[in-house]
């Protein structure tokens, strides 16, 4: 089977707030928007946000690799999300992971490429 694309769907209680989060934090390009679903193209992948969420904490498995974790965490907070685990530099290596929650309760990770 030929796969034509990959889309990840998450839920939102407040569609406008969720769209603002993914647009503001990840500079998502809106490729579809209506009262039921909003889709963003982010780094070549599609994140679909579907209405009807309850803002319950939900693990998504989504990880966004970013150039600067500290800037990414600041953007998450500025756009209504939370940082559950701040990135920490250690003597062994620079910070490479932050655990976050978007504006709707969806848990996401911010990662930074490791250079060894």
N, C-alpha and C. Protein backbone atom coordinates (compact mmCIF):
# COMPACT_ATOMS: atom_id res chain seq x y z
N UNK A 1 0.84 -1.18 0.00
CA UNK A 1 0.00 0.00 0.00
C UNK A 1 0.89 1.24 0.00
N UNK A 2 0.51 2.20 -0.80
CA UNK A 2 1.23 3.46 -0.85
C UNK A 2 0.58 4.44 0.13
N UNK A 3 1.34 4.88 1.09
CA UNK A 3 0.85 5.87 2.05
C UNK A 3 1.03 7.25 1.45
N UNK A 4 -0.04 8.02 1.42
CA UNK A 4 0.00 9.34 0.79
C UNK A 4 0.27 10.47 1.78
N UNK A 5 0.10 10.20 3.05
CA UNK A 5 0.34 11.24 4.04
C UNK A 5 0.12 10.68 5.42
N UNK A 6 0.50 11.45 6.41
CA UNK A 6 0.32 11.07 7.80
C UNK A 6 -0.23 12.27 8.55
N UNK A 7 -1.31 12.03 9.29
CA UNK A 7 -1.96 13.09 10.04
C UNK A 7 -2.14 12.62 11.48
N UNK A 8 -1.89 13.50 12.41
CA UNK A 8 -2.12 13.19 13.81
C UNK A 8 -3.29 14.03 14.29
N UNK A 9 -4.29 13.40 14.92
CA UNK A 9 -5.49 14.09 15.38
C UNK A 9 -5.44 14.26 16.89
N UNK A 10 -5.73 15.46 17.36
CA UNK A 10 -5.89 15.73 18.78
C UNK A 10 -7.24 16.42 18.98
N UNK A 11 -7.66 16.54 20.23
CA UNK A 11 -8.97 17.11 20.55
C UNK A 11 -8.81 18.45 21.25
N UNK A 12 -9.80 19.31 21.03
CA UNK A 12 -9.79 20.63 21.65
C UNK A 12 -11.18 20.99 22.16
N UNK A 13 -11.23 21.56 23.33
CA UNK A 13 -12.48 22.10 23.85
C UNK A 13 -12.74 23.46 23.23
N UNK A 14 -11.67 24.24 23.06
CA UNK A 14 -11.77 25.58 22.49
C UNK A 14 -10.91 25.63 21.23
N UNK A 15 -11.56 25.49 20.07
CA UNK A 15 -10.85 25.39 18.80
C UNK A 15 -9.99 26.63 18.52
N UNK A 16 -10.53 27.81 18.77
CA UNK A 16 -9.77 29.04 18.50
C UNK A 16 -8.52 29.09 19.37
N UNK A 17 -8.65 28.73 20.64
CA UNK A 17 -7.50 28.74 21.55
C UNK A 17 -6.46 27.72 21.09
N UNK A 18 -6.90 26.52 20.71
CA UNK A 18 -5.98 25.49 20.25
C UNK A 18 -5.27 25.92 18.97
N UNK A 19 -6.03 26.48 18.03
CA UNK A 19 -5.42 26.95 16.78
C UNK A 19 -4.39 28.03 17.05
N UNK A 20 -4.71 28.94 17.96
CA UNK A 20 -3.75 29.98 18.33
C UNK A 20 -2.48 29.40 18.93
N UNK A 21 -2.62 28.34 19.71
CA UNK A 21 -1.45 27.69 20.31
C UNK A 21 -0.54 27.11 19.23
N UNK A 22 -1.09 26.30 18.33
CA UNK A 22 -0.25 25.64 17.32
C UNK A 22 0.27 26.61 16.26
N UNK A 23 -0.47 27.66 16.01
CA UNK A 23 0.00 28.70 15.08
C UNK A 23 1.13 29.49 15.76
N UNK A 24 0.92 29.88 17.01
CA UNK A 24 1.88 30.73 17.70
C UNK A 24 3.14 30.03 18.14
N UNK A 25 3.02 28.81 18.64
CA UNK A 25 4.20 28.09 19.14
C UNK A 25 5.01 27.48 18.01
N UNK A 26 4.34 26.82 17.07
CA UNK A 26 5.04 26.06 16.05
C UNK A 26 4.98 26.69 14.66
N UNK A 27 4.45 27.90 14.56
CA UNK A 27 4.33 28.59 13.28
C UNK A 27 3.61 27.70 12.26
N UNK A 28 2.56 27.00 12.75
CA UNK A 28 1.82 26.09 11.89
C UNK A 28 1.10 26.82 10.76
N UNK A 29 1.15 26.22 9.58
CA UNK A 29 0.45 26.75 8.42
C UNK A 29 -0.93 26.13 8.37
N UNK A 30 -1.96 26.93 8.52
CA UNK A 30 -3.33 26.41 8.50
C UNK A 30 -3.67 25.97 7.07
N UNK A 31 -4.02 24.68 6.92
CA UNK A 31 -4.34 24.16 5.59
C UNK A 31 -5.82 23.79 5.47
N UNK A 32 -6.54 23.78 6.59
CA UNK A 32 -7.98 23.51 6.58
C UNK A 32 -8.57 24.05 7.87
N UNK A 33 -9.70 24.74 7.74
CA UNK A 33 -10.32 25.28 8.94
C UNK A 33 -11.83 25.39 8.74
N UNK A 34 -12.56 24.75 9.65
CA UNK A 34 -14.01 24.90 9.69
C UNK A 34 -14.46 24.75 11.14
N UNK A 35 -15.75 24.65 11.39
CA UNK A 35 -16.24 24.60 12.77
C UNK A 35 -15.94 23.28 13.47
N UNK A 36 -15.54 22.26 12.73
CA UNK A 36 -15.30 20.93 13.30
C UNK A 36 -13.82 20.60 13.43
N UNK A 37 -13.03 20.99 12.45
CA UNK A 37 -11.62 20.62 12.45
C UNK A 37 -10.76 21.75 11.89
N UNK A 38 -9.58 21.87 12.45
CA UNK A 38 -8.56 22.78 11.93
C UNK A 38 -7.30 21.95 11.75
N UNK A 39 -6.67 22.07 10.59
CA UNK A 39 -5.45 21.31 10.32
C UNK A 39 -4.29 22.26 10.06
N UNK A 40 -3.15 21.89 10.62
CA UNK A 40 -1.93 22.66 10.44
C UNK A 40 -0.85 21.79 9.83
N UNK A 41 -0.08 22.36 8.95
CA UNK A 41 1.12 21.72 8.42
C UNK A 41 2.27 22.26 9.28
N UNK A 42 2.96 21.34 9.94
CA UNK A 42 4.08 21.69 10.80
C UNK A 42 5.25 20.78 10.44
N UNK A 43 6.32 21.35 9.95
CA UNK A 43 7.53 20.60 9.59
C UNK A 43 7.21 19.43 8.67
N UNK A 44 6.31 19.62 7.72
CA UNK A 44 5.99 18.59 6.75
C UNK A 44 4.95 17.58 7.20
N UNK A 45 4.50 17.67 8.44
CA UNK A 45 3.47 16.77 8.95
C UNK A 45 2.18 17.53 9.18
N UNK A 46 1.08 16.80 9.33
CA UNK A 46 -0.21 17.43 9.56
C UNK A 46 -0.70 17.12 10.98
N UNK A 47 -1.08 18.17 11.69
CA UNK A 47 -1.73 18.03 12.99
C UNK A 47 -3.16 18.52 12.80
N UNK A 48 -4.11 17.61 13.01
CA UNK A 48 -5.52 17.95 12.92
C UNK A 48 -6.08 18.16 14.31
N UNK A 49 -6.76 19.26 14.52
CA UNK A 49 -7.38 19.56 15.81
C UNK A 49 -8.88 19.43 15.62
N UNK A 50 -9.49 18.51 16.36
CA UNK A 50 -10.91 18.21 16.22
C UNK A 50 -11.66 18.78 17.42
N UNK A 51 -12.81 19.38 17.17
CA UNK A 51 -13.62 19.93 18.27
C UNK A 51 -14.22 18.80 19.10
N UNK A 52 -14.72 19.14 20.26
CA UNK A 52 -15.38 18.17 21.12
C UNK A 52 -14.54 17.65 22.26
N UNK A 53 -13.35 18.20 22.44
CA UNK A 53 -12.51 17.77 23.55
C UNK A 53 -13.03 18.27 24.88
N UNK A 54 -12.53 17.69 25.94
CA UNK A 54 -12.96 18.05 27.29
C UNK A 54 -11.87 18.75 28.08
N UNK A 55 -10.73 19.04 27.45
CA UNK A 55 -9.56 19.63 28.11
C UNK A 55 -9.00 18.72 29.20
N UNK A 56 -9.23 17.42 29.06
CA UNK A 56 -8.64 16.44 29.98
C UNK A 56 -7.18 16.24 29.59
N UNK A 57 -6.35 15.96 30.58
CA UNK A 57 -4.94 15.68 30.30
C UNK A 57 -4.86 14.39 29.50
N UNK A 58 -4.24 14.45 28.30
CA UNK A 58 -4.17 13.31 27.39
C UNK A 58 -2.76 13.21 26.83
N UNK A 59 -2.14 12.04 26.96
CA UNK A 59 -0.84 11.79 26.37
C UNK A 59 -1.02 11.58 24.87
N UNK A 60 -0.27 12.32 24.05
CA UNK A 60 -0.42 12.22 22.59
C UNK A 60 0.69 11.43 21.93
N UNK A 61 1.87 11.43 22.51
CA UNK A 61 3.01 10.82 21.85
C UNK A 61 3.67 11.74 20.83
N UNK A 62 3.16 12.96 20.68
CA UNK A 62 3.75 13.89 19.71
C UNK A 62 4.99 14.56 20.30
N UNK A 63 6.04 14.60 19.50
CA UNK A 63 7.27 15.28 19.87
C UNK A 63 7.65 16.23 18.74
N UNK A 64 7.97 17.45 19.10
CA UNK A 64 8.36 18.47 18.13
C UNK A 64 9.83 18.77 18.36
N UNK A 65 10.67 18.47 17.36
CA UNK A 65 12.09 18.79 17.47
C UNK A 65 12.29 20.25 17.13
N UNK A 66 12.91 20.98 18.04
CA UNK A 66 13.11 22.42 17.89
C UNK A 66 14.58 22.76 18.04
N UNK A 67 14.95 23.91 17.54
CA UNK A 67 16.35 24.34 17.62
C UNK A 67 16.72 24.82 19.02
N UNK A 68 15.76 25.44 19.73
CA UNK A 68 16.05 26.02 21.05
C UNK A 68 14.94 25.62 22.02
N UNK A 69 15.24 24.69 22.91
CA UNK A 69 14.24 24.21 23.88
C UNK A 69 13.75 25.30 24.81
N UNK A 70 14.65 26.16 25.24
CA UNK A 70 14.27 27.20 26.19
C UNK A 70 13.33 28.21 25.54
N UNK A 71 13.59 28.57 24.31
CA UNK A 71 12.68 29.45 23.57
C UNK A 71 11.34 28.74 23.35
N UNK A 72 11.39 27.46 23.00
CA UNK A 72 10.17 26.69 22.79
C UNK A 72 9.30 26.65 24.04
N UNK A 73 9.92 26.44 25.18
CA UNK A 73 9.16 26.41 26.45
C UNK A 73 8.55 27.77 26.75
N UNK A 74 9.27 28.83 26.46
CA UNK A 74 8.72 30.18 26.67
C UNK A 74 7.51 30.40 25.77
N UNK A 75 7.57 29.93 24.53
CA UNK A 75 6.44 30.08 23.61
C UNK A 75 5.24 29.25 24.07
N UNK A 76 5.49 28.03 24.55
CA UNK A 76 4.41 27.19 25.06
C UNK A 76 3.66 27.94 26.16
N UNK A 77 4.40 28.50 27.11
CA UNK A 77 3.78 29.24 28.22
C UNK A 77 3.06 30.49 27.73
N UNK A 78 3.67 31.21 26.80
CA UNK A 78 3.08 32.46 26.29
C UNK A 78 1.78 32.24 25.54
N UNK A 79 1.58 31.02 25.03
CA UNK A 79 0.39 30.71 24.24
C UNK A 79 -0.60 29.82 24.99
N UNK A 80 -0.53 29.83 26.32
CA UNK A 80 -1.53 29.15 27.12
C UNK A 80 -1.24 27.72 27.49
N UNK A 81 -0.05 27.23 27.19
CA UNK A 81 0.32 25.87 27.57
C UNK A 81 1.10 25.87 28.88
N UNK A 82 1.54 24.69 29.26
CA UNK A 82 2.33 24.52 30.48
C UNK A 82 3.57 23.71 30.16
N UNK A 83 4.61 23.94 30.92
CA UNK A 83 5.81 23.11 30.85
C UNK A 83 5.85 22.29 32.13
N UNK A 84 5.71 20.98 31.98
CA UNK A 84 5.69 20.07 33.13
C UNK A 84 7.09 19.70 33.58
N UNK A 85 7.99 19.58 32.64
CA UNK A 85 9.39 19.27 32.93
C UNK A 85 10.26 20.19 32.08
N UNK A 86 10.86 21.14 32.76
CA UNK A 86 11.72 22.11 32.09
C UNK A 86 12.96 21.42 31.54
N UNK A 87 13.53 21.95 30.46
CA UNK A 87 14.79 21.39 29.97
C UNK A 87 15.91 21.74 30.94
N UNK A 88 16.84 20.81 31.12
CA UNK A 88 17.94 21.01 32.06
C UNK A 88 19.25 20.62 31.38
N UNK A 89 20.19 21.57 31.38
CA UNK A 89 21.54 21.25 30.93
C UNK A 89 22.24 20.47 32.04
N UNK A 90 23.01 19.46 31.66
CA UNK A 90 23.80 18.71 32.64
C UNK A 90 25.26 18.77 32.23
N UNK A 91 26.16 18.40 33.13
CA UNK A 91 27.59 18.37 32.74
C UNK A 91 27.86 17.39 31.61
N UNK A 92 27.02 16.35 31.50
CA UNK A 92 27.23 15.33 30.48
C UNK A 92 26.77 15.77 29.09
N UNK A 93 25.66 16.54 29.05
CA UNK A 93 25.14 16.97 27.75
C UNK A 93 24.17 18.13 27.92
N UNK A 94 23.98 18.89 26.84
CA UNK A 94 22.99 19.98 26.89
C UNK A 94 21.58 19.43 26.98
N UNK A 95 20.66 20.25 27.43
CA UNK A 95 19.25 19.85 27.53
C UNK A 95 18.76 19.35 26.17
N UNK A 96 17.94 18.28 26.20
CA UNK A 96 17.43 17.73 24.94
C UNK A 96 15.94 17.37 25.01
N UNK A 97 15.24 17.67 26.13
CA UNK A 97 13.85 17.26 26.26
C UNK A 97 13.10 18.18 27.23
N UNK A 98 11.88 18.51 26.87
CA UNK A 98 10.96 19.21 27.77
C UNK A 98 9.59 18.58 27.60
N UNK A 99 8.91 18.32 28.70
CA UNK A 99 7.56 17.77 28.68
C UNK A 99 6.59 18.93 28.85
N UNK A 100 5.60 19.02 27.95
CA UNK A 100 4.70 20.17 27.92
C UNK A 100 3.25 19.72 27.77
N UNK A 101 2.35 20.68 27.96
CA UNK A 101 0.93 20.47 27.74
C UNK A 101 0.44 21.64 26.91
N UNK A 102 -0.32 21.36 25.84
CA UNK A 102 -0.85 22.46 25.03
C UNK A 102 -2.02 23.14 25.75
N UNK A 103 -2.63 24.08 25.12
CA UNK A 103 -3.71 24.86 25.73
C UNK A 103 -4.95 24.03 26.02
N UNK A 104 -5.04 22.82 25.46
CA UNK A 104 -6.23 21.97 25.60
C UNK A 104 -6.00 20.74 26.46
N UNK A 105 -4.83 20.62 27.07
CA UNK A 105 -4.55 19.46 27.92
C UNK A 105 -3.84 18.33 27.22
N UNK A 106 -3.48 18.49 25.94
CA UNK A 106 -2.76 17.46 25.20
C UNK A 106 -1.28 17.52 25.54
N UNK A 107 -0.73 16.42 26.06
CA UNK A 107 0.68 16.38 26.42
C UNK A 107 1.53 16.20 25.17
N UNK A 108 2.56 17.02 25.07
CA UNK A 108 3.50 16.98 23.94
C UNK A 108 4.92 17.09 24.49
N UNK A 109 5.88 16.72 23.68
CA UNK A 109 7.28 16.88 24.04
C UNK A 109 7.93 17.87 23.09
N UNK A 110 8.87 18.62 23.61
CA UNK A 110 9.79 19.39 22.79
C UNK A 110 11.13 18.69 22.92
N UNK A 111 11.78 18.45 21.80
CA UNK A 111 13.08 17.79 21.83
C UNK A 111 14.10 18.62 21.05
N UNK A 112 15.35 18.38 21.35
CA UNK A 112 16.44 19.01 20.61
C UNK A 112 17.36 17.89 20.15
N UNK A 113 17.83 17.97 18.92
CA UNK A 113 18.71 16.93 18.40
C UNK A 113 19.96 16.85 19.26
N UNK A 114 20.38 15.62 19.51
CA UNK A 114 21.61 15.41 20.28
C UNK A 114 22.78 15.33 19.31
N UNK A 115 23.85 15.99 19.65
CA UNK A 115 25.06 15.96 18.83
C UNK A 115 26.18 15.34 19.65
N UNK A 116 26.62 14.20 19.23
CA UNK A 116 27.68 13.51 19.98
C UNK A 116 28.95 13.45 19.18
